[in-house]
Amino acid sequence: MRVIAGTARGTNLKSPKDRAVRPTPDKVKEALFSIIGNRVIESTFYDLYAGTGAIGIEALSRGANQCLFVETKKDHIKLIRENLSKTGLLNQASVIKGDVFHLIPRLGRDTLKADLLYLDPPYAYTALDEVIIAINKAKLVKEDGLIIVEHDFKNRQWINNFNVTGQKKYGDTGLTFINL
């Protein structure tokens, strides 16, 4: 797993020894950043269910001003910080340990709102619609912002509840783009 482009291009990122984290394949990562293009430059990026932090780190490397990482596992938090340090991007990041759904109200009280919010919960996660509704209610995303959901392409029953502006399929992986 490596950073594909930007200031940290080519940096190999550490991954956890366990198989609980499913790193986003380079092909999907390249497609994602090709789709969002220059929107990432000078953006505030949220990487929720961050795992190794690879997506948020890619955003920072490509010009995002700052990134908020949220992850539940203590060892993954340590890994995210190590990867940020390795890439020289630690000063542009905030890393929070906790459950995304339970942190949303607290994050909503913060004045920092996301231009781009990336959700990559476990593929078996069944409450995506509840999380997105909570994100909308807490106003975590700026008015012209975008939510990007990486999910098992078969897990799409929640999609009809939102203003989906695009959807892509890469093998079993789906990327869904939502404007609130």
C-alpha atoms as a PDB file:
ATOM      1  CA  MET A   1       0.000   0.000   0.000  1.00  0.00           C
ATOM      2  CA  ARG A   2       1.456   3.314  -1.088  1.00  0.00           C
ATOM      3  CA  VAL A   3       0.645   6.955  -1.692  1.00  0.00           C
ATOM      4  CA  ILE A   4      -0.102   7.321  -5.407  1.00  0.00           C
ATOM      5  CA  ALA A   5       0.362  11.041  -6.071  1.00  0.00           C
ATOM      6  CA  GLY A   6       1.285  14.393  -4.596  1.00  0.00           C
ATOM      7  CA  THR A   7       3.888  15.455  -2.060  1.00  0.00           C
ATOM      8  CA  ALA A   8       4.147  11.995  -0.451  1.00  0.00           C
ATOM      9  CA  ARG A   9       4.008  10.086  -3.745  1.00  0.00           C
ATOM     10  CA  GLY A  10       5.587   6.638  -3.596  1.00  0.00           C
ATOM     11  CA  THR A  11       5.696   6.461   0.205  1.00  0.00           C
ATOM     12  CA  ASN A  12       4.871   2.960   1.383  1.00  0.00           C
ATOM     13  CA  LEU A  13       2.311   2.974   4.166  1.00  0.00           C
ATOM     14  CA  LYS A  14       2.205   0.506   7.018  1.00  0.00           C
ATOM     15  CA  SER A  15      -0.755  -1.856   7.200  1.00  0.00           C
ATOM     16  CA  PRO A  16      -2.046  -3.809  10.167  1.00  0.00           C
ATOM     17  CA  LYS A  17      -1.057  -7.410  10.667  1.00  0.00           C
ATOM     18  CA  ASP A  18      -4.648  -8.476  11.160  1.00  0.00           C
ATOM     19  CA  ARG A  19      -7.063  -8.851   8.269  1.00  0.00           C
ATOM     20  CA  ALA A  20      -9.747  -6.660   9.868  1.00  0.00           C
ATOM     21  CA  VAL A  21      -8.768  -3.750   7.613  1.00  0.00           C
ATOM     22  CA  ARG A  22      -9.539  -4.007   3.925  1.00  0.00           C
ATOM     23  CA  PRO A  23      -7.245  -1.482   2.230  1.00  0.00           C
ATOM     24  CA  THR A  24      -8.749   0.356  -0.716  1.00  0.00           C
ATOM     25  CA  PRO A  25      -7.093  -1.037  -3.862  1.00  0.00           C
ATOM     26  CA  ASP A  26      -4.882   1.404  -5.802  1.00  0.00           C
ATOM     27  CA  LYS A  27      -7.217   1.131  -8.801  1.00  0.00           C
ATOM     28  CA  VAL A  28     -10.171   2.350  -6.713  1.00  0.00           C
ATOM     29  CA  LYS A  29      -8.057   5.044  -5.023  1.00  0.00           C
ATOM     30  CA  GLU A  30      -6.863   6.344  -8.409  1.00  0.00           C
ATOM     31  CA  ALA A  31     -10.426   6.381  -9.741  1.00  0.00           C
ATOM     32  CA  LEU A  32     -11.725   8.185  -6.659  1.00  0.00           C
ATOM     33  CA  PHE A  33      -9.177  10.984  -6.881  1.00  0.00           C
ATOM     34  CA  SER A  34      -9.630  11.233 -10.626  1.00  0.00           C
ATOM     35  CA  ILE A  35     -13.371  11.761 -10.078  1.00  0.00           C
ATOM     36  CA  ILE A  36     -13.039  14.374  -7.336  1.00  0.00           C
ATOM     37  CA  GLY A  37     -10.123  16.014  -9.163  1.00  0.00           C
ATOM     38  CA  ASN A  38      -9.174  19.501  -8.056  1.00  0.00           C
ATOM     39  CA  ARG A  39     -11.916  19.576  -5.402  1.00  0.00           C
ATOM     40  CA  VAL A  40      -9.362  18.044  -3.035  1.00  0.00           C
ATOM     41  CA  ILE A  41      -6.999  21.024  -3.327  1.00  0.00           C
ATOM     42  CA  GLU A  42      -7.233  23.254  -0.238  1.00  0.00           C
ATOM     43  CA  SER A  43     -10.165  21.174   1.047  1.00  0.00           C
ATOM     44  CA  THR A  44     -11.079  19.969   4.490  1.00  0.00           C
ATOM     45  CA  PHE A  45     -11.267  16.184   4.158  1.00  0.00           C
ATOM     46  CA  TYR A  46     -12.861  13.744   6.627  1.00  0.00           C
ATOM     47  CA  ASP A  47     -11.743  10.099   6.520  1.00  0.00           C
ATOM     48  CA  LEU A  48     -14.272   8.209   8.633  1.00  0.00           C
ATOM     49  CA  TYR A  49     -13.700   4.515   9.421  1.00  0.00           C
ATOM     50  CA  ALA A  50     -10.130   5.395   8.482  1.00  0.00           C
ATOM     51  CA  GLY A  51      -8.398   2.009   8.912  1.00  0.00           C
ATOM     52  CA  THR A  52      -4.804   2.772   7.911  1.00  0.00           C
ATOM     53  CA  GLY A  53      -5.570   6.373   6.955  1.00  0.00           C
ATOM     54  CA  ALA A  54      -4.535   5.747   3.343  1.00  0.00           C
ATOM     55  CA  ILE A  55      -7.411   7.698   1.751  1.00  0.00           C
ATOM     56  CA  GLY A  56      -7.029  10.750   3.986  1.00  0.00           C
ATOM     57  CA  ILE A  57      -3.261  10.654   3.551  1.00  0.00           C
ATOM     58  CA  GLU A  58      -3.728  10.521  -0.218  1.00  0.00           C
ATOM     59  CA  ALA A  59      -6.022  13.570   0.045  1.00  0.00           C
ATOM     60  CA  LEU A  60      -3.421  15.484   2.082  1.00  0.00           C
ATOM     61  CA  SER A  61      -0.661  14.467  -0.316  1.00  0.00           C
ATOM     62  CA  ARG A  62      -2.770  15.789  -3.214  1.00  0.00           C
ATOM     63  CA  GLY A  63      -3.316  19.193  -1.628  1.00  0.00           C
ATOM     64  CA  ALA A  64      -6.052  18.994   1.023  1.00  0.00           C
ATOM     65  CA  ASN A  65      -5.392  21.581   3.745  1.00  0.00           C
ATOM     66  CA  GLN A  66      -6.410  19.306   6.573  1.00  0.00           C
ATOM     67  CA  CYS A  67      -7.885  15.910   7.305  1.00  0.00           C
ATOM     68  CA  LEU A  68      -9.826  14.499  10.215  1.00  0.00           C
ATOM     69  CA  PHE A  69      -9.370  10.749  10.711  1.00  0.00           C
ATOM     70  CA  VAL A  70     -11.804   8.723  12.848  1.00  0.00           C
ATOM     71  CA  GLU A  71     -11.124   5.100  13.744  1.00  0.00           C
ATOM     72  CA  THR A  72     -12.259   2.816  16.570  1.00  0.00           C
ATOM     73  CA  LYS A  73      -9.263   0.537  17.055  1.00  0.00           C
ATOM     74  CA  LYS A  74      -6.363   1.732  19.189  1.00  0.00           C
ATOM     75  CA  ASP A  75      -3.736  -0.130  17.123  1.00  0.00           C
ATOM     76  CA  HIS A  76      -5.122   1.382  13.907  1.00  0.00           C
ATOM     77  CA  ILE A  77      -4.969   4.875  15.449  1.00  0.00           C
ATOM     78  CA  LYS A  78      -1.289   4.263  16.166  1.00  0.00           C
ATOM     79  CA  LEU A  79      -0.806   3.069  12.582  1.00  0.00           C
ATOM     80  CA  ILE A  80      -2.517   6.166  11.144  1.00  0.00           C
ATOM     81  CA  ARG A  81      -0.234   8.422  13.198  1.00  0.00           C
ATOM     82  CA  GLU A  82       2.840   6.452  12.087  1.00  0.00           C
ATOM     83  CA  ASN A  83       1.764   6.735   8.432  1.00  0.00           C
ATOM     84  CA  LEU A  84       1.119  10.473   8.807  1.00  0.00           C
ATOM     85  CA  SER A  85       4.525  10.939  10.394  1.00  0.00           C
ATOM     86  CA  LYS A  86       6.211   8.855   7.695  1.00  0.00           C
ATOM     87  CA  THR A  87       4.659  11.039   4.978  1.00  0.00           C
ATOM     88  CA  GLY A  88       5.368  14.315   6.783  1.00  0.00           C
ATOM     89  CA  LEU A  89       1.653  15.151   6.939  1.00  0.00           C
ATOM     90  CA  LEU A  90       1.029  14.820  10.682  1.00  0.00           C
ATOM     91  CA  ASN A  91       0.707  18.593  11.227  1.00  0.00           C
ATOM     92  CA  GLN A  92      -2.258  18.761   8.848  1.00  0.00           C
ATOM     93  CA  ALA A  93      -4.187  15.975  10.564  1.00  0.00           C
ATOM     94  CA  SER A  94      -6.414  15.328  13.545  1.00  0.00           C
ATOM     95  CA  VAL A  95      -6.865  11.709  14.593  1.00  0.00           C
ATOM     96  CA  ILE A  96      -9.773  10.745  16.835  1.00  0.00           C
ATOM     97  CA  LYS A  97     -10.451   7.367  18.403  1.00  0.00           C
ATOM     98  CA  GLY A  98     -14.100   6.459  18.620  1.00  0.00           C
ATOM     99  CA  ASP A  99     -17.199   5.128  16.941  1.00  0.00           C
ATOM    100  CA  VAL A 100     -18.167   7.309  13.985  1.00  0.00           C
ATOM    101  CA  PHE A 101     -21.907   7.189  14.657  1.00  0.00           C
ATOM    102  CA  HIS A 102     -21.497   8.237  18.291  1.00  0.00           C
ATOM    103  CA  LEU A 103     -18.960  10.979  17.468  1.00  0.00           C
ATOM    104  CA  ILE A 104     -21.097  12.691  14.801  1.00  0.00           C
ATOM    105  CA  PRO A 105     -22.994  14.993  17.224  1.00  0.00           C
ATOM    106  CA  ARG A 106     -19.698  16.107  18.828  1.00  0.00           C
ATOM    107  CA  LEU A 107     -18.095  16.682  15.423  1.00  0.00           C
ATOM    108  CA  GLY A 108     -21.164  18.691  14.401  1.00  0.00           C
ATOM    109  CA  ARG A 109     -20.475  21.187  17.193  1.00  0.00           C
ATOM    110  CA  ASP A 110     -17.041  21.881  15.706  1.00  0.00           C
ATOM    111  CA  THR A 111     -16.773  24.821  13.348  1.00  0.00           C
ATOM    112  CA  LEU A 112     -14.617  22.761  10.954  1.00  0.00           C
ATOM    113  CA  LYS A 113     -16.894  21.355   8.242  1.00  0.00           C
ATOM    114  CA  ALA A 114     -15.881  18.951   5.500  1.00  0.00           C
ATOM    115  CA  ASP A 115     -15.659  19.799   1.834  1.00  0.00           C
ATOM    116  CA  LEU A 116     -15.207  16.082   1.162  1.00  0.00           C
ATOM    117  CA  LEU A 117     -16.289  13.370   3.585  1.00  0.00           C
ATOM    118  CA  TYR A 118     -15.174   9.805   2.903  1.00  0.00           C
ATOM    119  CA  LEU A 119     -16.977   6.878   4.553  1.00  0.00           C
ATOM    120  CA  ASP A 120     -15.479   3.403   4.341  1.00  0.00           C
ATOM    121  CA  PRO A 121     -17.214   1.265   6.978  1.00  0.00           C
ATOM    122  CA  PRO A 122     -16.816  -2.515   7.096  1.00  0.00           C
ATOM    123  CA  TYR A 123     -18.544  -4.059   4.081  1.00  0.00           C
ATOM    124  CA  ALA A 124     -21.025  -5.897   6.341  1.00  0.00           C
ATOM    125  CA  TYR A 125     -22.109  -2.601   7.967  1.00  0.00           C
ATOM    126  CA  THR A 126     -25.875  -2.266   7.762  1.00  0.00           C
ATOM    127  CA  ALA A 127     -26.535   1.236   9.122  1.00  0.00           C
ATOM    128  CA  LEU A 128     -25.067   3.421   6.372  1.00  0.00           C
ATOM    129  CA  ASP A 129     -28.318   5.307   5.903  1.00  0.00           C
ATOM    130  CA  GLU A 130     -28.454   6.135   9.633  1.00  0.00           C
ATOM    131  CA  VAL A 131     -24.866   7.419   9.575  1.00  0.00           C
ATOM    132  CA  ILE A 132     -25.491   9.601   6.520  1.00  0.00           C
ATOM    133  CA  ILE A 133     -28.720  10.990   8.022  1.00  0.00           C
ATOM    134  CA  ALA A 134     -26.801  11.813  11.244  1.00  0.00           C
ATOM    135  CA  ILE A 135     -24.030  13.489   9.202  1.00  0.00           C
ATOM    136  CA  ASN A 136     -26.644  15.611   7.461  1.00  0.00           C
ATOM    137  CA  LYS A 137     -28.431  16.486  10.724  1.00  0.00           C
ATOM    138  CA  ALA A 138     -25.125  17.490  12.370  1.00  0.00           C
ATOM    139  CA  LYS A 139     -24.155  19.522   9.285  1.00  0.00           C
ATOM    140  CA  LEU A 140     -20.685  17.933   9.074  1.00  0.00           C
ATOM    141  CA  VAL A 141     -20.445  18.686   5.359  1.00  0.00           C
ATOM    142  CA  LYS A 142     -20.418  22.166   3.837  1.00  0.00           C
ATOM    143  CA  GLU A 143     -23.400  23.108   1.691  1.00  0.00           C
ATOM    144  CA  ASP A 144     -21.513  22.453  -1.554  1.00  0.00           C
ATOM    145  CA  GLY A 145     -19.634  19.476  -0.098  1.00  0.00           C
ATOM    146  CA  LEU A 146     -19.664  15.846  -1.123  1.00  0.00           C
ATOM    147  CA  ILE A 147     -19.993  12.558   0.728  1.00  0.00           C
ATOM    148  CA  ILE A 148     -18.198   9.603  -0.819  1.00  0.00           C
ATOM    149  CA  VAL A 149     -19.101   6.109   0.367  1.00  0.00           C
ATOM    150  CA  GLU A 150     -16.936   3.077  -0.353  1.00  0.00           C
ATOM    151  CA  HIS A 151     -19.050  -0.045   0.094  1.00  0.00           C
ATOM    152  CA  ASP A 152     -19.712  -3.570  -1.066  1.00  0.00           C
ATOM    153  CA  PHE A 153     -21.471  -2.981  -4.379  1.00  0.00           C
ATOM    154  CA  LYS A 154     -24.156  -5.483  -3.346  1.00  0.00           C
ATOM    155  CA  ASN A 155     -24.938  -3.326  -0.299  1.00  0.00           C
ATOM    156  CA  ARG A 156     -27.019  -0.649  -2.023  1.00  0.00           C
ATOM    157  CA  GLN A 157     -30.442  -0.750  -0.365  1.00  0.00           C
ATOM    158  CA  TRP A 158     -29.666   2.528   1.447  1.00  0.00           C
ATOM    159  CA  ILE A 159     -28.821   4.503  -1.716  1.00  0.00           C
ATOM    160  CA  ASN A 160     -32.378   5.484  -2.712  1.00  0.00           C
ATOM    161  CA  ASN A 161     -32.700   7.598   0.447  1.00  0.00           C
ATOM    162  CA  PHE A 162     -30.172  10.184  -0.792  1.00  0.00           C
ATOM    163  CA  ASN A 163     -29.289  12.532  -3.635  1.00  0.00           C
ATOM    164  CA  VAL A 164     -26.799  10.261  -5.401  1.00  0.00           C
ATOM    165  CA  THR A 165     -24.840  12.182  -8.005  1.00  0.00           C
ATOM    166  CA  GLY A 166     -22.707   9.283  -9.189  1.00  0.00           C
ATOM    167  CA  GLN A 167     -21.866   5.670  -8.658  1.00  0.00           C
ATOM    168  CA  LYS A 168     -18.978   3.534  -9.870  1.00  0.00           C
ATOM    169  CA  LYS A 169     -18.252  -0.169  -9.594  1.00  0.00           C
ATOM    170  CA  TYR A 170     -14.779  -1.728  -9.350  1.00  0.00           C
ATOM    171  CA  GLY A 171     -15.140  -5.479  -8.884  1.00  0.00           C
ATOM    172  CA  ASP A 172     -17.025  -5.926  -5.591  1.00  0.00           C
ATOM    173  CA  THR A 173     -16.324  -2.336  -4.523  1.00  0.00           C
ATOM    174  CA  GLY A 174     -18.756   0.485  -5.062  1.00  0.00           C
ATOM    175  CA  LEU A 175     -18.113   4.207  -4.795  1.00  0.00           C
ATOM    176  CA  THR A 176     -21.231   6.283  -4.300  1.00  0.00           C
ATOM    177  CA  PHE A 177     -21.201  10.102  -4.399  1.00  0.00           C
ATOM    178  CA  ILE A 178     -23.866  11.984  -2.434  1.00  0.00           C
ATOM    179  CA  ASN A 179     -24.789  15.658  -2.233  1.00  0.00           C
ATOM    180  CA  LEU A 180     -26.871  16.493   0.838  1.00  0.00           C
END
